[in-house]
Amino acid sequence: MNQNMLTVLQYYGAGAATLAALIVSLNLGRRITGWAFVLFVTSSLALTAWGFLDKNSEGIGWQNVALLFINATGVWRYLISKHAPDA
């Protein structure tokens, strides 16, 4: 894979995760928090790809495989499920 694409994946993943964390920390409501989890999912996908495509970053890849499932749970909980999350 081209080094420029790896750089894009790495920095998109980091930036998207940072923005999503900020949005979640602001506690702006269920729907906005749900969309922050969608952003987290895209971050996890980018960092998983980067982690496995860059020979020195496999640990980040595995970490983001786990985070992908956690973030998908957030999407389910805040955007798809009809039950209100516990406070």
N, C-alpha and C. Protein backbone atom coordinates (compact mmCIF):
# COMPACT_ATOMS: atom_id res chain seq x y z
N MET A 1 0.86 -1.19 0.00
CA MET A 1 0.00 0.00 0.00
C MET A 1 0.89 1.23 0.00
N ASN A 2 0.45 2.21 -0.68
CA ASN A 2 1.12 3.50 -0.81
C ASN A 2 1.24 4.19 0.56
N GLN A 3 2.39 4.75 0.84
CA GLN A 3 2.65 5.40 2.14
C GLN A 3 1.71 6.59 2.39
N ASN A 4 1.34 7.30 1.35
CA ASN A 4 0.41 8.44 1.52
C ASN A 4 -0.95 7.96 2.01
N MET A 5 -1.42 6.83 1.48
CA MET A 5 -2.71 6.30 1.91
C MET A 5 -2.64 5.84 3.37
N LEU A 6 -1.53 5.24 3.76
CA LEU A 6 -1.36 4.83 5.16
C LEU A 6 -1.38 6.04 6.08
N THR A 7 -0.76 7.12 5.65
CA THR A 7 -0.75 8.35 6.44
C THR A 7 -2.17 8.91 6.59
N VAL A 8 -2.93 8.90 5.49
CA VAL A 8 -4.32 9.37 5.54
C VAL A 8 -5.13 8.52 6.52
N LEU A 9 -5.01 7.20 6.44
CA LEU A 9 -5.75 6.32 7.35
C LEU A 9 -5.38 6.61 8.81
N GLN A 10 -4.09 6.75 9.06
CA GLN A 10 -3.60 6.99 10.42
C GLN A 10 -4.15 8.29 10.98
N TYR A 11 -4.02 9.37 10.23
CA TYR A 11 -4.44 10.67 10.76
C TYR A 11 -5.95 10.86 10.74
N TYR A 12 -6.64 10.27 9.75
CA TYR A 12 -8.11 10.32 9.80
C TYR A 12 -8.59 9.59 11.05
N GLY A 13 -8.07 8.39 11.28
CA GLY A 13 -8.49 7.61 12.44
C GLY A 13 -8.27 8.34 13.74
N ALA A 14 -7.10 8.95 13.89
CA ALA A 14 -6.80 9.70 15.12
C ALA A 14 -7.71 10.92 15.26
N GLY A 15 -7.88 11.67 14.19
CA GLY A 15 -8.71 12.88 14.25
C GLY A 15 -10.17 12.56 14.49
N ALA A 16 -10.69 11.54 13.79
CA ALA A 16 -12.10 11.17 13.96
C ALA A 16 -12.37 10.68 15.38
N ALA A 17 -11.45 9.90 15.95
CA ALA A 17 -11.63 9.42 17.32
C ALA A 17 -11.61 10.57 18.32
N THR A 18 -10.74 11.53 18.09
CA THR A 18 -10.66 12.69 18.98
C THR A 18 -11.94 13.51 18.93
N LEU A 19 -12.44 13.77 17.73
CA LEU A 19 -13.68 14.52 17.58
C LEU A 19 -14.85 13.76 18.19
N ALA A 20 -14.93 12.46 17.95
CA ALA A 20 -16.02 11.66 18.51
C ALA A 20 -15.98 11.68 20.04
N ALA A 21 -14.78 11.57 20.61
CA ALA A 21 -14.65 11.61 22.08
C ALA A 21 -15.12 12.96 22.63
N LEU A 22 -14.78 14.04 21.94
CA LEU A 22 -15.25 15.36 22.36
C LEU A 22 -16.77 15.43 22.34
N ILE A 23 -17.38 14.94 21.27
CA ILE A 23 -18.84 14.99 21.15
C ILE A 23 -19.48 14.17 22.26
N VAL A 24 -18.98 12.96 22.52
CA VAL A 24 -19.54 12.13 23.59
C VAL A 24 -19.38 12.84 24.94
N SER A 25 -18.24 13.48 25.17
CA SER A 25 -18.00 14.14 26.46
C SER A 25 -18.92 15.33 26.68
N LEU A 26 -19.43 15.92 25.62
CA LEU A 26 -20.33 17.07 25.75
C LEU A 26 -21.75 16.67 26.14
N ASN A 27 -22.06 15.37 26.03
CA ASN A 27 -23.38 14.86 26.43
C ASN A 27 -24.51 15.70 25.82
N LEU A 28 -24.53 15.77 24.49
CA LEU A 28 -25.49 16.60 23.78
C LEU A 28 -26.79 15.89 23.44
N GLY A 29 -26.99 14.72 23.97
CA GLY A 29 -28.23 13.99 23.73
C GLY A 29 -27.97 12.68 23.00
N ARG A 30 -28.99 11.85 23.04
CA ARG A 30 -28.89 10.49 22.52
C ARG A 30 -28.53 10.44 21.04
N ARG A 31 -29.21 11.20 20.22
CA ARG A 31 -29.00 11.13 18.77
C ARG A 31 -27.59 11.62 18.38
N ILE A 32 -27.17 12.73 18.94
CA ILE A 32 -25.84 13.25 18.62
C ILE A 32 -24.76 12.30 19.14
N THR A 33 -24.96 11.74 20.32
CA THR A 33 -24.02 10.76 20.84
C THR A 33 -23.96 9.54 19.93
N GLY A 34 -25.11 9.12 19.43
CA GLY A 34 -25.14 8.00 18.49
C GLY A 34 -24.33 8.27 17.24
N TRP A 35 -24.43 9.48 16.71
CA TRP A 35 -23.65 9.85 15.53
C TRP A 35 -22.17 9.96 15.86
N ALA A 36 -21.84 10.31 17.09
CA ALA A 36 -20.43 10.29 17.51
C ALA A 36 -19.90 8.85 17.47
N PHE A 37 -20.74 7.89 17.85
CA PHE A 37 -20.32 6.49 17.77
C PHE A 37 -20.16 6.04 16.32
N VAL A 38 -20.96 6.57 15.41
CA VAL A 38 -20.74 6.28 13.98
C VAL A 38 -19.36 6.79 13.57
N LEU A 39 -19.02 7.98 14.02
CA LEU A 39 -17.69 8.53 13.75
C LEU A 39 -16.60 7.65 14.35
N PHE A 40 -16.82 7.16 15.57
CA PHE A 40 -15.89 6.22 16.19
C PHE A 40 -15.72 4.96 15.33
N VAL A 41 -16.82 4.46 14.77
CA VAL A 41 -16.75 3.27 13.91
C VAL A 41 -15.86 3.55 12.71
N THR A 42 -16.02 4.71 12.07
CA THR A 42 -15.18 5.01 10.91
C THR A 42 -13.71 5.13 11.32
N SER A 43 -13.48 5.67 12.51
CA SER A 43 -12.13 5.77 13.03
C SER A 43 -11.54 4.38 13.24
N SER A 44 -12.31 3.49 13.86
CA SER A 44 -11.83 2.13 14.10
C SER A 44 -11.53 1.40 12.79
N LEU A 45 -12.37 1.61 11.78
CA LEU A 45 -12.12 0.97 10.48
C LEU A 45 -10.82 1.49 9.88
N ALA A 46 -10.62 2.80 9.92
CA ALA A 46 -9.40 3.38 9.36
C ALA A 46 -8.16 2.90 10.11
N LEU A 47 -8.22 2.89 11.44
CA LEU A 47 -7.06 2.49 12.22
C LEU A 47 -6.80 0.98 12.16
N THR A 48 -7.86 0.19 11.97
CA THR A 48 -7.67 -1.24 11.76
C THR A 48 -6.95 -1.47 10.43
N ALA A 49 -7.41 -0.80 9.40
CA ALA A 49 -6.76 -0.93 8.09
C ALA A 49 -5.30 -0.49 8.17
N TRP A 50 -5.06 0.67 8.75
CA TRP A 50 -3.69 1.17 8.88
C TRP A 50 -2.84 0.19 9.68
N GLY A 51 -3.39 -0.31 10.78
CA GLY A 51 -2.64 -1.20 11.65
C GLY A 51 -2.19 -2.47 10.96
N PHE A 52 -3.04 -3.03 10.11
CA PHE A 52 -2.66 -4.28 9.45
C PHE A 52 -1.92 -4.07 8.14
N LEU A 53 -2.02 -2.89 7.57
CA LEU A 53 -1.30 -2.62 6.32
C LEU A 53 0.10 -2.07 6.55
N ASP A 54 0.32 -1.47 7.71
CA ASP A 54 1.66 -0.97 8.06
C ASP A 54 2.33 -2.04 8.93
N LYS A 55 3.47 -2.52 8.49
CA LYS A 55 4.11 -3.65 9.16
C LYS A 55 4.48 -3.39 10.61
N ASN A 56 4.57 -2.15 11.03
CA ASN A 56 4.96 -1.82 12.41
C ASN A 56 3.79 -1.42 13.30
N SER A 57 2.55 -1.62 12.85
CA SER A 57 1.41 -1.07 13.59
C SER A 57 0.33 -2.11 13.88
N GLU A 58 0.70 -3.38 13.90
CA GLU A 58 -0.30 -4.43 14.09
C GLU A 58 -1.04 -4.31 15.42
N GLY A 59 -0.37 -3.84 16.47
CA GLY A 59 -1.03 -3.68 17.77
C GLY A 59 -2.21 -2.72 17.70
N ILE A 60 -2.04 -1.63 16.98
CA ILE A 60 -3.14 -0.67 16.78
C ILE A 60 -4.27 -1.33 16.00
N GLY A 61 -3.91 -2.17 15.04
CA GLY A 61 -4.93 -2.89 14.27
C GLY A 61 -5.79 -3.76 15.18
N TRP A 62 -5.15 -4.56 16.03
CA TRP A 62 -5.90 -5.43 16.93
C TRP A 62 -6.70 -4.64 17.95
N GLN A 63 -6.13 -3.57 18.47
CA GLN A 63 -6.86 -2.72 19.42
C GLN A 63 -8.14 -2.21 18.76
N ASN A 64 -8.04 -1.80 17.52
CA ASN A 64 -9.21 -1.22 16.85
C ASN A 64 -10.20 -2.25 16.36
N VAL A 65 -9.80 -3.50 16.24
CA VAL A 65 -10.78 -4.57 16.01
C VAL A 65 -11.70 -4.63 17.23
N ALA A 66 -11.11 -4.61 18.42
CA ALA A 66 -11.91 -4.63 19.65
C ALA A 66 -12.75 -3.37 19.77
N LEU A 67 -12.15 -2.21 19.49
CA LEU A 67 -12.89 -0.95 19.59
C LEU A 67 -14.03 -0.88 18.58
N LEU A 68 -13.86 -1.52 17.43
CA LEU A 68 -14.94 -1.54 16.44
C LEU A 68 -16.20 -2.17 17.02
N PHE A 69 -16.04 -3.28 17.74
CA PHE A 69 -17.20 -3.93 18.37
C PHE A 69 -17.79 -3.06 19.47
N ILE A 70 -16.96 -2.42 20.26
CA ILE A 70 -17.45 -1.52 21.30
C ILE A 70 -18.20 -0.35 20.68
N ASN A 71 -17.63 0.24 19.64
CA ASN A 71 -18.26 1.40 18.99
C ASN A 71 -19.56 1.01 18.27
N ALA A 72 -19.58 -0.18 17.68
CA ALA A 72 -20.82 -0.66 17.05
C ALA A 72 -21.91 -0.84 18.10
N THR A 73 -21.52 -1.25 19.30
CA THR A 73 -22.49 -1.36 20.40
C THR A 73 -23.06 0.03 20.73
N GLY A 74 -22.21 1.05 20.70
CA GLY A 74 -22.69 2.41 20.93
C GLY A 74 -23.67 2.86 19.85
N VAL A 75 -23.39 2.53 18.61
CA VAL A 75 -24.34 2.85 17.51
C VAL A 75 -25.66 2.15 17.78
N TRP A 76 -25.61 0.87 18.11
CA TRP A 76 -26.83 0.11 18.39
C TRP A 76 -27.60 0.76 19.55
N ARG A 77 -26.89 1.04 20.61
CA ARG A 77 -27.53 1.54 21.82
C ARG A 77 -28.16 2.92 21.63
N TYR A 78 -27.48 3.80 20.93
CA TYR A 78 -27.94 5.19 20.84
C TYR A 78 -28.74 5.51 19.58
N LEU A 79 -28.57 4.76 18.50
CA LEU A 79 -29.28 5.10 17.26
C LEU A 79 -30.30 4.06 16.82
N ILE A 80 -30.10 2.80 17.18
CA ILE A 80 -30.95 1.75 16.62
C ILE A 80 -31.94 1.23 17.65
N SER A 81 -31.48 0.93 18.85
CA SER A 81 -32.34 0.35 19.89
C SER A 81 -33.42 1.35 20.31
N LYS A 82 -34.57 0.84 20.57
CA LYS A 82 -35.69 1.69 21.01
C LYS A 82 -35.67 1.95 22.51
N HIS A 83 -34.86 1.22 23.26
CA HIS A 83 -34.78 1.39 24.71
C HIS A 83 -33.84 2.53 25.05
N ALA A 84 -34.24 3.35 25.98
CA ALA A 84 -33.39 4.46 26.43
C ALA A 84 -32.19 3.91 27.19
N PRO A 85 -30.99 4.42 26.91
CA PRO A 85 -29.81 3.97 27.67
C PRO A 85 -29.94 4.35 29.14
N ASP A 86 -29.38 3.52 29.99
CA ASP A 86 -29.36 3.82 31.43
C ASP A 86 -28.49 5.05 31.67
N ALA A 87 -28.91 5.86 32.62
CA ALA A 87 -28.12 7.05 32.96
C ALA A 87 -27.00 6.73 33.88
